[in-house]
């Protein structure tokens, strides 16, 4: 027969309410008592009833995590790190995939709102206005996007784009293409702004191709437009597009980096396995997942969720901090000196 809360109270010499507080609000229990209760619970194999605890505390101890495309290798390290950090805080994570669709994303937020204590929106496709509305229904932390007045964890893709363009300029490239990401993407917008400024400062011409789907197929489809453009180097929205582009260029008889240099963004595992190995901008995905969980749970000691109310209600001290995590250029084999002609290979 499974151990009960009464068994734990008897074994640790405390009242049942103290055992309950140890699991629902440990910060309210004397540290020595808490250690004793937890030791007794471990010895007896006791596991608290999460549903009953939710009724008492007003918290579900669940977090919703919505990603734009779970098949994109960018997201699994972030998801894994967020789940580990949540588990360390005695929370569970529900993962949902919006399939790059803002309407699906909005529906998922509404569906999760009453089942979780907060939602992590990762690379959201909804408008800022809809994200702000969602935050009035359930606490939200935005990952990989900046929304004024809301807690956000961003990766400095702007600096990453500047570093990538600077690397290409150092190799002599002056005709560069930027493969844009999906419409409405904060990352795509930041990369375009930063890459354009860096190219102008270096006396280079930047050709923007996009918006595009951030997939291998999306990159492969751009091989012919890249060839027609006459550029000698390409910065892709992400590694998947860069890898797809290299495959497409190869099918056209163009070699990377002999004919065209290619840089990706994300540093997914595939970027180290492709041939040539991909030069890329590494993004701190795992750190973003852990930071987002910590930011979401920062308000968790304010009392039961029902007492906090919705949005910016009185007594709700949720953080509105915005954290920018650093990116890093990783130079491998897909970039090289500009071709001696100074132009990319012309159309056949």
Protein backbone atom coordinates (compact mmCIF):
# COMPACT_ATOMS: atom_id res chain seq x y z
CA UNK A 1 0.00 0.00 0.00
CA UNK A 2 1.46 3.40 -0.99
CA UNK A 3 2.67 5.69 1.79
CA UNK A 4 0.34 8.56 2.72
CA UNK A 5 0.91 12.04 3.99
CA UNK A 6 -0.08 10.78 7.46
CA UNK A 7 2.71 8.19 7.34
CA UNK A 8 5.26 10.88 6.50
CA UNK A 9 3.97 13.15 9.29
CA UNK A 10 4.18 10.31 11.83
CA UNK A 11 7.70 9.28 10.70
CA UNK A 12 9.08 12.82 10.79
CA UNK A 13 7.29 13.86 13.99
CA UNK A 14 5.39 16.81 12.51
CA UNK A 15 1.79 17.76 11.77
CA UNK A 16 0.22 16.80 8.44
CA UNK A 17 -0.01 20.49 7.49
CA UNK A 18 3.77 20.80 7.83
CA UNK A 19 4.26 17.93 5.40
CA UNK A 20 1.83 19.60 3.00
CA UNK A 21 3.69 22.92 3.21
CA UNK A 22 7.01 21.16 2.67
CA UNK A 23 5.84 20.13 -0.78
CA UNK A 24 3.59 23.07 -1.69
CA UNK A 25 5.47 26.03 -0.15
CA UNK A 26 8.89 24.80 1.09
CA UNK A 27 10.11 28.36 1.69
CA UNK A 28 7.61 28.55 4.59
CA UNK A 29 9.07 25.55 6.41
CA UNK A 30 12.06 25.61 8.75
CA UNK A 31 15.06 24.22 6.78
CA UNK A 32 15.85 21.53 9.38
CA UNK A 33 12.22 20.43 9.48
CA UNK A 34 12.04 20.43 5.69
CA UNK A 35 15.10 18.18 5.44
CA UNK A 36 13.60 15.77 7.98
CA UNK A 37 10.25 15.61 6.20
CA UNK A 38 11.85 15.08 2.79
CA UNK A 39 14.10 12.35 4.17
CA UNK A 40 11.09 10.54 5.66
CA UNK A 41 9.15 10.91 2.42
CA UNK A 42 12.07 9.49 0.45
CA UNK A 43 12.48 6.56 2.84
CA UNK A 44 8.76 5.73 2.67
CA UNK A 45 8.52 6.25 -1.09
CA UNK A 46 5.89 8.94 -0.66
CA UNK A 47 4.87 11.02 -3.69
CA UNK A 48 2.55 14.02 -3.19
CA UNK A 49 -0.74 14.14 -5.08
CA UNK A 50 -0.14 16.95 -7.57
CA UNK A 51 -3.84 17.39 -8.33
CA UNK A 52 -4.69 17.81 -4.65
CA UNK A 53 -1.79 20.18 -4.19
CA UNK A 54 -3.04 22.29 -7.09
CA UNK A 55 -6.42 22.68 -5.40
CA UNK A 56 -4.72 23.95 -2.24
CA UNK A 57 -2.05 26.20 -3.75
CA UNK A 58 -3.76 27.41 -6.91
CA UNK A 59 -0.72 26.21 -8.90
CA UNK A 60 -0.58 23.31 -11.31
CA UNK A 61 3.23 23.05 -11.28
CA UNK A 62 3.00 22.69 -15.04
CA UNK A 63 4.56 24.91 -17.72
CA UNK A 64 3.48 25.16 -21.35
CA UNK A 65 6.24 25.43 -23.96
CA UNK A 66 5.13 26.31 -27.50
CA UNK A 67 7.67 26.08 -30.33
CA UNK A 68 7.31 27.16 -33.96
CA UNK A 69 8.45 23.83 -35.44
CA UNK A 70 9.47 20.88 -33.27
CA UNK A 71 11.10 19.21 -36.32
CA UNK A 72 13.61 22.06 -36.54
CA UNK A 73 16.86 20.96 -34.80
CA UNK A 74 17.10 24.46 -33.30
CA UNK A 75 14.43 23.62 -30.72
CA UNK A 76 15.31 20.26 -29.07
CA UNK A 77 18.32 21.59 -27.06
CA UNK A 78 16.14 24.45 -25.82
CA UNK A 79 13.30 22.10 -24.92
CA UNK A 80 15.61 19.65 -23.15
CA UNK A 81 17.27 22.41 -21.09
CA UNK A 82 13.90 23.95 -20.16
CA UNK A 83 12.54 20.57 -19.06
CA UNK A 84 15.61 19.88 -16.94
CA UNK A 85 15.43 23.29 -15.27
CA UNK A 86 11.70 22.91 -14.66
CA UNK A 87 12.15 19.44 -13.17
CA UNK A 88 14.78 20.87 -10.82
CA UNK A 89 12.10 23.30 -9.64
CA UNK A 90 9.49 20.49 -9.33
CA UNK A 91 7.60 21.53 -12.46
CA UNK A 92 6.51 19.55 -15.50
CA UNK A 93 6.65 20.86 -19.08
CA UNK A 94 3.97 20.36 -21.74
CA UNK A 95 5.45 20.86 -25.23
CA UNK A 96 3.29 21.96 -28.19
CA UNK A 97 4.13 22.66 -31.84
CA UNK A 98 2.46 25.54 -33.71
CA UNK A 99 3.82 24.42 -37.10
CA UNK A 100 4.85 28.02 -37.92
CA UNK A 101 1.16 29.05 -37.86
CA UNK A 102 0.18 32.11 -35.75
CA UNK A 103 -3.48 31.02 -35.54
CA UNK A 104 -2.50 27.58 -34.22
CA UNK A 105 -0.13 29.28 -31.79
CA UNK A 106 -2.93 31.48 -30.44
CA UNK A 107 -5.24 28.47 -30.04
CA UNK A 108 -2.53 26.57 -28.15
CA UNK A 109 -2.04 29.43 -25.68
CA UNK A 110 -5.79 29.52 -24.93
CA UNK A 111 -5.90 25.72 -24.59
CA UNK A 112 -2.97 25.61 -22.18
CA UNK A 113 -3.86 28.71 -20.14
CA UNK A 114 -6.03 26.91 -17.57
CA UNK A 115 -3.75 23.87 -17.34
CA UNK A 116 -0.40 25.54 -16.63
CA UNK A 117 1.12 28.22 -14.42
CA UNK A 118 2.75 29.95 -17.37
CA UNK A 119 3.73 29.63 -21.01
CA UNK A 120 7.08 29.90 -22.80
CA UNK A 121 6.54 31.17 -26.35
CA UNK A 122 9.57 30.15 -28.43
CA UNK A 123 10.12 32.01 -31.72
CA UNK A 124 6.43 32.99 -31.80
CA UNK A 125 4.72 33.92 -35.06
CA UNK A 126 1.81 35.79 -33.46
CA UNK A 127 1.75 39.59 -33.60
CA UNK A 128 3.02 41.52 -30.59
CA UNK A 129 -0.53 42.63 -29.88
CA UNK A 130 -1.79 39.04 -29.66
CA UNK A 131 1.15 38.05 -27.46
CA UNK A 132 0.34 40.93 -25.10
CA UNK A 133 -3.31 39.78 -24.97
CA UNK A 134 -2.18 36.24 -24.18
CA UNK A 135 -0.04 37.52 -21.31
CA UNK A 136 -3.19 38.90 -19.67
CA UNK A 137 -4.67 35.42 -19.67
CA UNK A 138 -1.60 33.50 -18.46
CA UNK A 139 1.97 34.49 -17.47
CA UNK A 140 4.16 34.47 -20.59
CA UNK A 141 7.90 34.55 -21.25
CA UNK A 142 8.89 35.14 -24.87
CA UNK A 143 11.98 33.36 -26.20
CA UNK A 144 13.89 34.47 -29.31
CA UNK A 145 11.82 37.61 -29.79
CA UNK A 146 11.48 41.03 -28.19
CA UNK A 147 8.07 42.27 -27.06
CA UNK A 148 7.95 45.54 -25.14
CA UNK A 149 6.72 45.23 -21.56
CA UNK A 150 7.00 41.43 -21.43
CA UNK A 151 9.80 39.22 -20.08
CA UNK A 152 11.93 38.07 -23.01
CA UNK A 153 14.99 35.90 -23.53
CA UNK A 154 16.71 36.86 -26.76
CA UNK A 155 19.79 35.67 -28.59
CA UNK A 156 21.95 38.40 -30.09
CA UNK A 157 21.47 37.38 -33.72
CA UNK A 158 22.16 40.98 -34.72
CA UNK A 159 25.70 40.73 -33.43
CA UNK A 160 25.94 37.26 -34.97
CA UNK A 161 24.97 38.66 -38.38
CA UNK A 162 27.53 41.46 -38.04
CA UNK A 163 30.22 38.92 -37.13
CA UNK A 164 29.29 36.74 -40.11
CA UNK A 165 29.33 39.64 -42.57
CA UNK A 166 32.63 40.84 -41.07
CA UNK A 167 34.12 37.37 -41.60
CA UNK A 168 33.01 37.38 -45.25
CA UNK A 169 34.36 40.89 -45.77
CA UNK A 170 37.73 39.80 -44.37
CA UNK A 171 37.77 37.03 -46.98
CA UNK A 172 37.30 39.65 -49.74
CA UNK A 173 33.59 39.17 -50.48
CA UNK A 174 31.74 42.28 -51.61
CA UNK A 175 28.64 40.72 -53.21
CA UNK A 176 26.73 38.92 -50.45
CA UNK A 177 23.22 37.46 -50.25
CA UNK A 178 21.06 37.17 -47.14
CA UNK A 179 18.52 34.36 -47.23
CA UNK A 180 15.65 35.76 -45.16
CA UNK A 181 13.56 33.71 -42.75
CA UNK A 182 9.78 33.45 -42.39
CA UNK A 183 7.54 36.48 -42.52
CA UNK A 184 6.97 37.96 -39.05
CA UNK A 185 10.16 36.47 -37.61
CA UNK A 186 11.96 38.74 -35.12
CA UNK A 187 15.23 36.90 -35.85
CA UNK A 188 14.85 37.51 -39.60
CA UNK A 189 14.19 41.20 -39.01
CA UNK A 190 17.17 41.62 -36.68
CA UNK A 191 19.49 39.77 -39.06
CA UNK A 192 18.40 41.88 -42.02
CA UNK A 193 18.92 45.13 -40.13
CA UNK A 194 22.34 44.17 -38.76
CA UNK A 195 23.64 42.48 -41.92
CA UNK A 196 22.60 45.45 -44.05
CA UNK A 197 24.39 47.91 -41.78
CA UNK A 198 27.54 45.77 -41.65
CA UNK A 199 27.61 45.33 -45.43
CA UNK A 200 27.21 49.07 -46.05
CA UNK A 201 29.95 49.88 -43.56
CA UNK A 202 32.27 47.45 -45.37
CA UNK A 203 31.46 48.75 -48.85
CA UNK A 204 29.65 45.55 -49.82
CA UNK A 205 26.38 44.99 -51.67
CA UNK A 206 23.78 42.91 -49.80
CA UNK A 207 21.07 41.13 -51.79
CA UNK A 208 18.11 39.98 -49.67
CA UNK A 209 16.24 36.91 -50.89
CA UNK A 210 13.06 36.21 -48.97
CA UNK A 211 11.04 35.79 -46.86
CA UNK A 212 11.44 32.01 -46.98
CA UNK A 213 10.48 28.91 -45.06
CA UNK A 214 13.34 28.19 -42.59
CA UNK A 215 13.82 24.62 -43.80
CA UNK A 216 16.31 22.57 -45.81
CA UNK A 217 13.85 22.55 -48.71
CA UNK A 218 13.54 26.33 -48.46
CA UNK A 219 17.31 26.68 -48.75
CA UNK A 220 17.61 24.23 -51.63
CA UNK A 221 14.98 26.13 -53.62
CA UNK A 222 17.14 29.26 -53.43
CA UNK A 223 20.16 27.73 -55.18
CA UNK A 224 19.10 28.98 -58.63
CA UNK A 225 18.26 32.54 -57.40
CA UNK A 226 21.64 32.64 -55.64
CA UNK A 227 23.40 31.60 -58.85
CA UNK A 228 21.51 34.21 -60.89
CA UNK A 229 22.38 36.95 -58.38
CA UNK A 230 26.11 36.59 -59.02
CA UNK A 231 26.99 36.80 -55.31
CA UNK A 232 30.13 35.18 -53.95
CA UNK A 233 28.87 34.55 -50.40
CA UNK A 234 25.61 33.83 -48.59
CA UNK A 235 24.40 34.29 -45.01
CA UNK A 236 21.38 32.03 -44.41
CA UNK A 237 18.64 32.55 -41.82
CA UNK A 238 19.55 29.26 -40.17
CA UNK A 239 21.67 26.14 -40.60
CA UNK A 240 18.87 24.11 -42.21
CA UNK A 241 18.56 26.66 -45.01
CA UNK A 242 22.34 26.83 -45.38
CA UNK A 243 22.61 23.03 -45.66
CA UNK A 244 19.76 22.94 -48.18
CA UNK A 245 21.43 25.69 -50.20
CA UNK A 246 24.73 23.78 -50.32
CA UNK A 247 22.86 20.72 -51.63
CA UNK A 248 21.08 22.84 -54.24
CA UNK A 249 24.29 24.52 -55.38
CA UNK A 250 25.98 21.15 -55.65
CA UNK A 251 23.17 19.97 -57.95
CA UNK A 252 23.90 23.00 -60.15
CA UNK A 253 27.58 22.12 -60.33
CA UNK A 254 28.74 24.83 -57.91
CA UNK A 255 31.14 24.02 -55.10
CA UNK A 256 31.20 25.47 -51.59
CA UNK A 257 33.38 27.35 -50.75
CA UNK A 258 35.30 27.37 -54.06
CA UNK A 259 32.49 29.12 -55.97
CA UNK A 260 30.25 30.42 -53.17
CA UNK A 261 30.89 30.75 -49.43
CA UNK A 262 27.97 29.88 -47.11
CA UNK A 263 27.32 30.80 -43.46
CA UNK A 264 24.44 29.49 -41.34
CA UNK A 265 22.99 30.38 -37.95
CA UNK A 266 22.30 28.10 -34.93
CA UNK A 267 25.20 25.58 -34.92
CA UNK A 268 22.92 22.54 -34.94
CA UNK A 269 24.59 19.12 -34.80
CA UNK A 270 24.22 18.66 -38.58
CA UNK A 271 26.40 21.72 -39.19
CA UNK A 272 29.39 19.75 -37.90
CA UNK A 273 28.53 16.63 -39.91
CA UNK A 274 27.91 18.09 -43.37
CA UNK A 275 30.66 18.27 -45.96
CA UNK A 276 31.94 20.88 -46.10
CA UNK A 277 31.46 21.48 -42.39
CA UNK A 278 29.32 24.58 -41.99
CA UNK A 279 30.60 27.94 -40.81
CA UNK A 280 27.81 29.22 -38.56
CA UNK A 281 26.74 31.56 -35.78
CA UNK A 282 26.25 29.47 -32.62
CA UNK A 283 23.17 30.42 -30.58
CA UNK A 284 22.88 29.66 -26.81
CA UNK A 285 19.69 27.59 -27.07
CA UNK A 286 20.15 25.59 -23.86
CA UNK A 287 20.94 28.70 -21.83
CA UNK A 288 17.84 30.36 -23.29
CA UNK A 289 15.64 27.45 -22.17
CA UNK A 290 16.98 27.50 -18.61
CA UNK A 291 16.79 31.28 -18.34
CA UNK A 292 13.21 31.37 -19.62
CA UNK A 293 12.05 28.84 -17.01
CA UNK A 294 13.74 30.81 -14.23
CA UNK A 295 12.13 34.05 -15.41
CA UNK A 296 8.70 32.44 -15.58
CA UNK A 297 8.97 30.99 -12.09
CA UNK A 298 10.48 34.13 -10.57
CA UNK A 299 7.01 35.21 -9.46
CA UNK A 300 6.06 31.78 -8.12
CA UNK A 301 6.32 32.78 -4.46
CA UNK A 302 3.72 35.55 -4.80
CA UNK A 303 0.92 33.27 -3.73
CA UNK A 304 -1.72 31.10 -5.40
CA UNK A 305 -2.36 31.85 -9.03
CA UNK A 306 -5.94 32.79 -8.29
CA UNK A 307 -4.73 35.41 -5.80
CA UNK A 308 -2.38 36.88 -8.41
CA UNK A 309 -5.19 37.35 -10.88
CA UNK A 310 -4.53 37.94 -14.56
CA UNK A 311 -1.99 40.09 -16.32
CA UNK A 312 -0.60 42.98 -14.32
CA UNK A 313 -3.14 42.72 -11.53
CA UNK A 314 -2.38 44.05 -8.07
CA UNK A 315 0.10 41.94 -6.20
CA UNK A 316 1.50 40.37 -9.38
CA UNK A 317 5.23 41.05 -9.27
CA UNK A 318 6.16 39.13 -12.39
CA UNK A 319 9.40 40.18 -13.98
CA UNK A 320 9.43 42.20 -17.19
CA UNK A 321 13.18 41.76 -17.57
CA UNK A 322 14.61 41.31 -21.04
CA UNK A 323 17.79 39.24 -21.30
CA UNK A 324 20.09 39.19 -24.33
CA UNK A 325 22.34 36.13 -24.61
CA UNK A 326 25.51 36.26 -26.69
CA UNK A 327 26.09 34.41 -29.96
CA UNK A 328 29.44 33.25 -31.35
CA UNK A 329 30.79 32.87 -34.88
CA UNK A 330 32.18 29.37 -35.50
CA UNK A 331 34.41 29.26 -38.59
CA UNK A 332 34.62 25.90 -40.36
CA UNK A 333 35.01 24.81 -43.98
CA UNK A 334 32.09 26.35 -45.90
CA UNK A 335 33.68 29.80 -46.20
CA UNK A 336 36.79 30.76 -48.14
CA UNK A 337 38.40 33.59 -50.12
CA UNK A 338 36.40 35.34 -52.80
CA UNK A 339 36.84 33.71 -56.26
CA UNK A 340 39.63 35.31 -58.25
CA UNK A 341 37.10 36.82 -60.67
CA UNK A 342 35.47 38.66 -57.79
CA UNK A 343 32.08 37.32 -58.86
CA UNK A 344 30.13 34.16 -58.25
CA UNK A 345 29.84 31.61 -61.02
CA UNK A 346 27.56 33.07 -63.73
CA UNK A 347 24.48 31.22 -65.00
CA UNK A 348 25.15 28.36 -67.42
